[in-house]
Amino acid sequence: MTDLNGRAIAVTGAGSGIGRALAVLLAKKGVRLALADKDAAGLGETKALLGNSPATTTALDVTDDTALKAWIDEAAREYGGLDGIINNAGLSIIAPFADTPAADFDRVMDVNFGGVVSGCRHALPHLRGRDAGWIVNISSVFGMMGYPTQSAYNASKFAVRGLTEALYLELAQTDPAIRVIRVHPGGIKTNVARNAKFIKSMPGAPGAMDSASEFEKSARTTPDQAAATIVAGMEKGSPRVLIGGDAKMIDLLTRLFPVSYYKRIGAFLGGGR
């Protein structure tokens, strides 16, 4: 177990959901925070929840590589070094692949994967040489299984998984003090479904509002519970963190039935062949 008290950690997507819950919990553990989000108002609300805990906030889009690097470098200057980064920012769209505009697909990849790549690239030099460090990348259960209308999100989250696994293996040899953790949340009670851009559903499937409502009904984990699981994984140095019983079930079934898993869990997730 590694004590987080006094560490300096950067968190993207801190304006709501899991990112906000992480900020609140890490602040309680004595972590000095650098928080970023595209939503300046949401970021301000998160900051207000932290009271007098040391925390800086920066409104930015993680696809702006120059701004992201400047934010990370400034966090390291502010706190005399940086101990970790949690790459949490993400978004989703809902559409079959054939109906997904290229610009929308690329936007999901740029935020969910490109933002993680940039976060890792710019944080890593600051983490090297410290007695402990963390790179925490948020993937998804959709980084373990395919799902209709989620081709862009699937692609981005599988890419995060692959990047993080490779980085884990590399740094285990070159920088063993840096803990590289990939996180696979299941259904989390956030606004992700309602905020997702709805383009088109599969034939016979629910529309935008019905789809969001069904997701919210099936979401089994709160952001606070998700944050607690992630932070526990950071303290233990776990290379992989599964959040929620649904994530554990999906993990098991995709490994036991790598070809036919969807037939077995389709009803659980809303149907499909």
Protein backbone atom coordinates (compact mmCIF):
# COMPACT_ATOMS: atom_id res chain seq x y z
CA MET A 1 0.00 0.00 0.00
CA THR A 2 1.31 3.44 -0.96
CA ASP A 3 0.12 6.51 0.92
CA LEU A 4 -1.30 9.20 -1.37
CA ASN A 5 -1.07 12.00 1.20
CA GLY A 6 0.95 14.92 -0.12
CA ARG A 7 1.13 13.59 -3.67
CA ALA A 8 0.42 15.83 -6.67
CA ILE A 9 -1.96 14.32 -9.20
CA ALA A 10 -3.57 15.68 -12.36
CA VAL A 11 -7.10 14.63 -13.33
CA THR A 12 -8.87 15.24 -16.65
CA GLY A 13 -12.65 15.24 -16.96
CA ALA A 14 -12.92 16.55 -13.40
CA GLY A 15 -16.03 18.65 -14.01
CA SER A 16 -18.52 15.87 -13.33
CA GLY A 17 -19.07 12.16 -12.81
CA ILE A 18 -16.15 9.93 -11.93
CA GLY A 19 -13.64 12.76 -12.36
CA ARG A 20 -15.41 14.92 -9.80
CA ALA A 21 -15.77 12.00 -7.38
CA LEU A 22 -12.07 11.25 -7.76
CA ALA A 23 -11.17 14.87 -7.01
CA VAL A 24 -13.27 14.88 -3.84
CA LEU A 25 -11.89 11.57 -2.56
CA LEU A 26 -8.28 12.33 -3.41
CA ALA A 27 -8.53 15.73 -1.70
CA LYS A 28 -9.75 13.98 1.45
CA LYS A 29 -6.65 11.80 1.29
CA GLY A 30 -4.39 14.85 1.21
CA VAL A 31 -3.62 14.85 -2.51
CA ARG A 32 -2.74 18.16 -4.17
CA LEU A 33 -4.76 18.33 -7.34
CA ALA A 34 -4.56 19.81 -10.82
CA LEU A 35 -8.01 19.52 -12.36
CA ALA A 36 -9.00 19.99 -15.99
CA ASP A 37 -12.25 19.81 -17.93
CA LYS A 38 -13.78 21.40 -21.01
CA ASP A 39 -16.78 22.41 -18.86
CA ALA A 40 -15.57 25.46 -16.92
CA ALA A 41 -18.80 25.73 -14.90
CA GLY A 42 -18.69 22.09 -13.87
CA LEU A 43 -15.04 22.43 -12.98
CA GLY A 44 -15.89 25.37 -10.74
CA GLU A 45 -18.52 23.29 -8.97
CA THR A 46 -15.97 20.58 -8.35
CA LYS A 47 -13.51 23.09 -6.94
CA ALA A 48 -16.18 24.42 -4.56
CA LEU A 49 -16.66 20.91 -3.16
CA LEU A 50 -12.98 20.70 -2.21
CA GLY A 51 -13.04 23.55 0.30
CA ASN A 52 -9.53 24.64 1.21
CA SER A 53 -7.81 21.58 -0.24
CA PRO A 54 -4.98 22.52 -2.59
CA ALA A 55 -6.32 22.33 -6.13
CA THR A 56 -5.89 24.24 -9.36
CA THR A 57 -8.46 24.24 -12.16
CA THR A 58 -7.98 24.72 -15.89
CA ALA A 59 -10.66 24.72 -18.56
CA LEU A 60 -9.30 22.94 -21.64
CA ASP A 61 -10.10 20.44 -24.35
CA VAL A 62 -7.83 17.39 -24.12
CA THR A 63 -7.53 17.38 -27.91
CA ASP A 64 -5.61 20.67 -27.66
CA ASP A 65 -2.17 19.15 -27.23
CA THR A 66 -0.46 22.47 -26.55
CA ALA A 67 -2.94 23.41 -23.81
CA LEU A 68 -2.77 19.94 -22.27
CA LYS A 69 1.02 20.00 -22.10
CA ALA A 70 1.01 23.51 -20.63
CA TRP A 71 -1.48 22.40 -17.96
CA ILE A 72 0.61 19.39 -16.96
CA ASP A 73 3.85 21.39 -16.91
CA GLU A 74 2.23 24.13 -14.83
CA ALA A 75 0.91 21.57 -12.33
CA ALA A 76 4.44 20.24 -11.91
CA ARG A 77 5.77 23.78 -11.36
CA GLU A 78 2.97 24.63 -8.93
CA TYR A 79 3.57 21.60 -6.74
CA GLY A 80 7.28 21.09 -7.21
CA GLY A 81 6.75 17.96 -9.23
CA LEU A 82 3.99 15.65 -10.41
CA ASP A 83 3.26 12.19 -9.03
CA GLY A 84 0.46 11.04 -11.28
CA ILE A 85 -2.14 11.60 -13.93
CA ILE A 86 -5.63 10.16 -14.26
CA ASN A 87 -6.76 10.32 -17.89
CA ASN A 88 -10.51 10.30 -17.39
CA ALA A 89 -12.01 12.70 -19.96
CA GLY A 90 -14.27 11.02 -22.48
CA LEU A 91 -17.44 11.18 -24.58
CA SER A 92 -19.67 8.92 -26.61
CA ILE A 93 -21.96 8.90 -29.61
CA ILE A 94 -24.77 6.47 -30.43
CA ALA A 95 -25.00 5.25 -34.02
CA PRO A 96 -24.35 2.17 -36.12
CA PHE A 97 -20.96 2.43 -37.81
CA ALA A 98 -22.52 2.87 -41.27
CA ASP A 99 -24.50 5.86 -40.00
CA THR A 100 -21.68 7.51 -38.06
CA PRO A 101 -20.28 10.65 -39.74
CA ALA A 102 -16.51 10.54 -40.04
CA ALA A 103 -16.17 13.78 -38.05
CA ASP A 104 -18.11 12.32 -35.12
CA PHE A 105 -16.13 9.08 -35.15
CA ASP A 106 -12.87 11.02 -35.26
CA ARG A 107 -13.97 13.30 -32.42
CA VAL A 108 -14.58 10.32 -30.13
CA MET A 109 -11.18 8.89 -31.02
CA ASP A 110 -9.46 12.24 -30.54
CA VAL A 111 -10.93 12.79 -27.07
CA ASN A 112 -11.07 9.26 -25.66
CA PHE A 113 -7.81 7.97 -27.10
CA GLY A 114 -5.83 10.95 -28.36
CA GLY A 115 -6.34 12.78 -25.07
CA VAL A 116 -5.03 9.76 -23.16
CA VAL A 117 -2.00 9.46 -25.44
CA SER A 118 -1.16 13.14 -24.93
CA GLY A 119 -1.72 12.94 -21.19
CA CYS A 120 0.64 9.97 -20.88
CA ARG A 121 3.24 11.53 -23.18
CA HIS A 122 3.41 14.86 -21.35
CA ALA A 123 3.12 13.51 -17.80
CA LEU A 124 5.68 10.71 -18.11
CA PRO A 125 8.81 12.91 -18.00
CA HIS A 126 7.58 14.44 -14.74
CA LEU A 127 6.89 11.04 -13.17
CA ARG A 128 10.28 9.53 -13.85
CA GLY A 129 12.75 9.55 -10.99
CA ARG A 130 10.15 9.90 -8.23
CA ASP A 131 9.78 7.31 -5.48
CA ALA A 132 6.26 6.48 -6.75
CA GLY A 133 4.11 7.55 -9.66
CA TRP A 134 0.78 6.74 -11.29
CA ILE A 135 -0.60 6.66 -14.80
CA VAL A 136 -4.28 5.77 -14.59
CA ASN A 137 -6.15 5.42 -17.87
CA ILE A 138 -9.92 5.02 -17.89
CA SER A 139 -11.06 2.45 -20.45
CA SER A 140 -14.48 0.78 -20.14
CA VAL A 141 -16.22 -2.58 -20.27
CA PHE A 142 -16.64 -1.50 -23.90
CA GLY A 143 -12.87 -1.84 -24.06
CA MET A 144 -13.40 -5.57 -23.44
CA MET A 145 -16.44 -6.27 -25.65
CA GLY A 146 -18.08 -4.94 -28.78
CA TYR A 147 -21.55 -3.40 -28.69
CA PRO A 148 -23.85 -2.22 -31.50
CA THR A 149 -24.09 1.57 -32.00
CA GLN A 150 -20.83 1.98 -30.05
CA SER A 151 -18.20 1.36 -32.73
CA ALA A 152 -16.41 4.67 -32.13
CA TYR A 153 -16.52 4.30 -28.35
CA ASN A 154 -15.46 0.64 -28.60
CA ALA A 155 -12.54 1.54 -30.85
CA SER A 156 -11.37 4.31 -28.53
CA LYS A 157 -11.64 2.25 -25.35
CA PHE A 158 -9.99 -0.85 -26.85
CA ALA A 159 -7.19 1.50 -27.96
CA VAL A 160 -6.83 2.85 -24.41
CA ARG A 161 -6.62 -0.71 -23.14
CA GLY A 162 -3.90 -1.65 -25.65
CA LEU A 163 -1.87 1.48 -25.00
CA THR A 164 -2.05 1.02 -21.24
CA GLU A 165 -1.08 -2.66 -21.35
CA ALA A 166 1.95 -1.88 -23.52
CA LEU A 167 2.95 1.04 -21.29
CA TYR A 168 2.61 -1.17 -18.21
CA LEU A 169 4.99 -3.74 -19.68
CA GLU A 170 7.50 -1.12 -20.81
CA LEU A 171 7.63 0.85 -17.57
CA ALA A 172 7.79 -2.31 -15.49
CA GLN A 173 11.27 -2.68 -17.00
CA THR A 174 12.43 0.92 -17.28
CA ASP A 175 10.55 2.74 -14.48
CA PRO A 176 9.13 0.19 -12.02
CA ALA A 177 8.17 2.90 -9.51
CA ILE A 178 5.49 4.16 -11.91
CA ARG A 179 2.25 2.24 -11.51
CA VAL A 180 0.35 1.95 -14.78
CA ILE A 181 -3.31 1.13 -14.23
CA ARG A 182 -6.11 0.50 -16.71
CA VAL A 183 -9.64 0.93 -15.41
CA HIS A 184 -12.73 -0.76 -16.81
CA PRO A 185 -15.92 0.76 -15.37
CA GLY A 186 -19.25 -0.97 -15.94
CA GLY A 187 -22.47 1.00 -15.78
CA ILE A 188 -21.90 4.16 -13.73
CA LYS A 189 -24.72 6.48 -12.64
CA THR A 190 -23.48 9.58 -14.47
CA ASN A 191 -24.89 11.77 -17.25
CA VAL A 192 -22.77 10.01 -19.88
CA ALA A 193 -25.78 8.44 -21.63
CA ARG A 194 -27.86 11.63 -21.67
CA ASN A 195 -24.85 13.67 -22.82
CA ALA A 196 -23.99 11.23 -25.61
CA LYS A 197 -24.72 12.49 -29.11
CA PHE A 198 -27.58 10.39 -30.44
CA ILE A 199 -27.51 9.88 -34.19
CA LYS A 200 -29.42 6.66 -34.83
CA SER A 201 -30.32 3.44 -33.04
CA MET A 202 -30.40 -0.10 -34.38
CA PRO A 203 -33.65 -1.18 -36.09
CA GLY A 204 -36.35 -1.70 -33.47
CA ALA A 205 -34.16 -0.34 -30.67
CA PRO A 206 -35.17 2.52 -28.30
CA GLY A 207 -34.75 6.17 -29.32
CA ALA A 208 -32.47 8.68 -27.66
CA MET A 209 -34.36 9.36 -24.42
CA ASP A 210 -35.50 5.75 -24.00
CA SER A 211 -31.97 4.52 -24.58
CA ALA A 212 -30.59 6.89 -21.94
CA SER A 213 -33.30 5.88 -19.48
CA GLU A 214 -32.57 2.19 -19.99
CA PHE A 215 -28.88 2.80 -19.37
CA GLU A 216 -29.60 4.71 -16.18
CA LYS A 217 -31.83 1.89 -14.92
CA SER A 218 -29.12 -0.69 -15.55
CA ALA A 219 -26.24 1.40 -14.12
CA ARG A 220 -25.26 -0.32 -10.90
CA THR A 221 -22.47 1.85 -9.52
CA THR A 222 -22.29 5.44 -8.28
CA PRO A 223 -19.42 7.78 -9.18
CA ASP A 224 -18.36 7.76 -5.51
CA GLN A 225 -18.15 3.97 -5.52
CA ALA A 226 -16.20 4.05 -8.77
CA ALA A 227 -13.77 6.62 -7.36
CA ALA A 228 -13.24 4.55 -4.21
CA THR A 229 -12.42 1.48 -6.32
CA ILE A 230 -9.96 3.42 -8.48
CA VAL A 231 -8.19 5.03 -5.53
CA ALA A 232 -7.91 1.67 -3.77
CA GLY A 233 -6.31 0.31 -6.93
CA MET A 234 -3.85 3.20 -6.95
CA GLU A 235 -2.88 2.56 -3.33
CA LYS A 236 -2.39 -1.15 -4.03
CA GLY A 237 -0.69 -0.61 -7.38
CA SER A 238 -3.16 -2.89 -9.17
CA PRO A 239 -2.45 -3.04 -12.92
CA ARG A 240 -6.13 -3.52 -13.75
CA VAL A 241 -9.25 -2.26 -11.97
CA LEU A 242 -12.77 -3.53 -12.71
CA ILE A 243 -15.59 -1.37 -11.40
CA GLY A 244 -18.91 -3.01 -10.57
CA GLY A 245 -20.33 -6.50 -10.64
CA ASP A 246 -21.35 -6.02 -14.27
CA ALA A 247 -17.74 -5.31 -15.25
CA LYS A 248 -16.57 -8.44 -13.45
CA MET A 249 -19.23 -10.54 -15.18
CA ILE A 250 -18.40 -9.14 -18.61
CA ASP A 251 -14.70 -9.70 -17.99
CA LEU A 252 -15.36 -13.35 -17.10
CA LEU A 253 -17.69 -14.06 -20.02
CA THR A 254 -15.49 -12.40 -22.65
CA ARG A 255 -12.57 -14.54 -21.51
CA LEU A 256 -14.57 -17.78 -21.28
CA PHE A 257 -16.52 -17.21 -24.51
CA PRO A 258 -14.41 -14.89 -26.69
CA VAL A 259 -16.55 -15.56 -29.79
CA SER A 260 -20.05 -16.12 -28.41
CA TYR A 261 -20.06 -13.85 -25.35
CA TYR A 262 -22.63 -11.48 -26.81
CA LYS A 263 -25.22 -14.25 -27.13
CA ARG A 264 -24.80 -14.89 -23.43
CA ILE A 265 -24.92 -11.31 -22.16
CA GLY A 266 -27.04 -9.64 -24.83
CA ALA A 267 -30.24 -9.84 -22.79
CA PHE A 268 -28.44 -8.42 -19.79
CA LEU A 269 -27.28 -5.43 -21.83
CA GLY A 270 -30.44 -4.91 -23.85
CA GLY A 271 -30.47 -7.57 -26.55
CA GLY A 272 -28.66 -8.27 -29.78
CA ARG A 273 -27.35 -11.22 -31.76
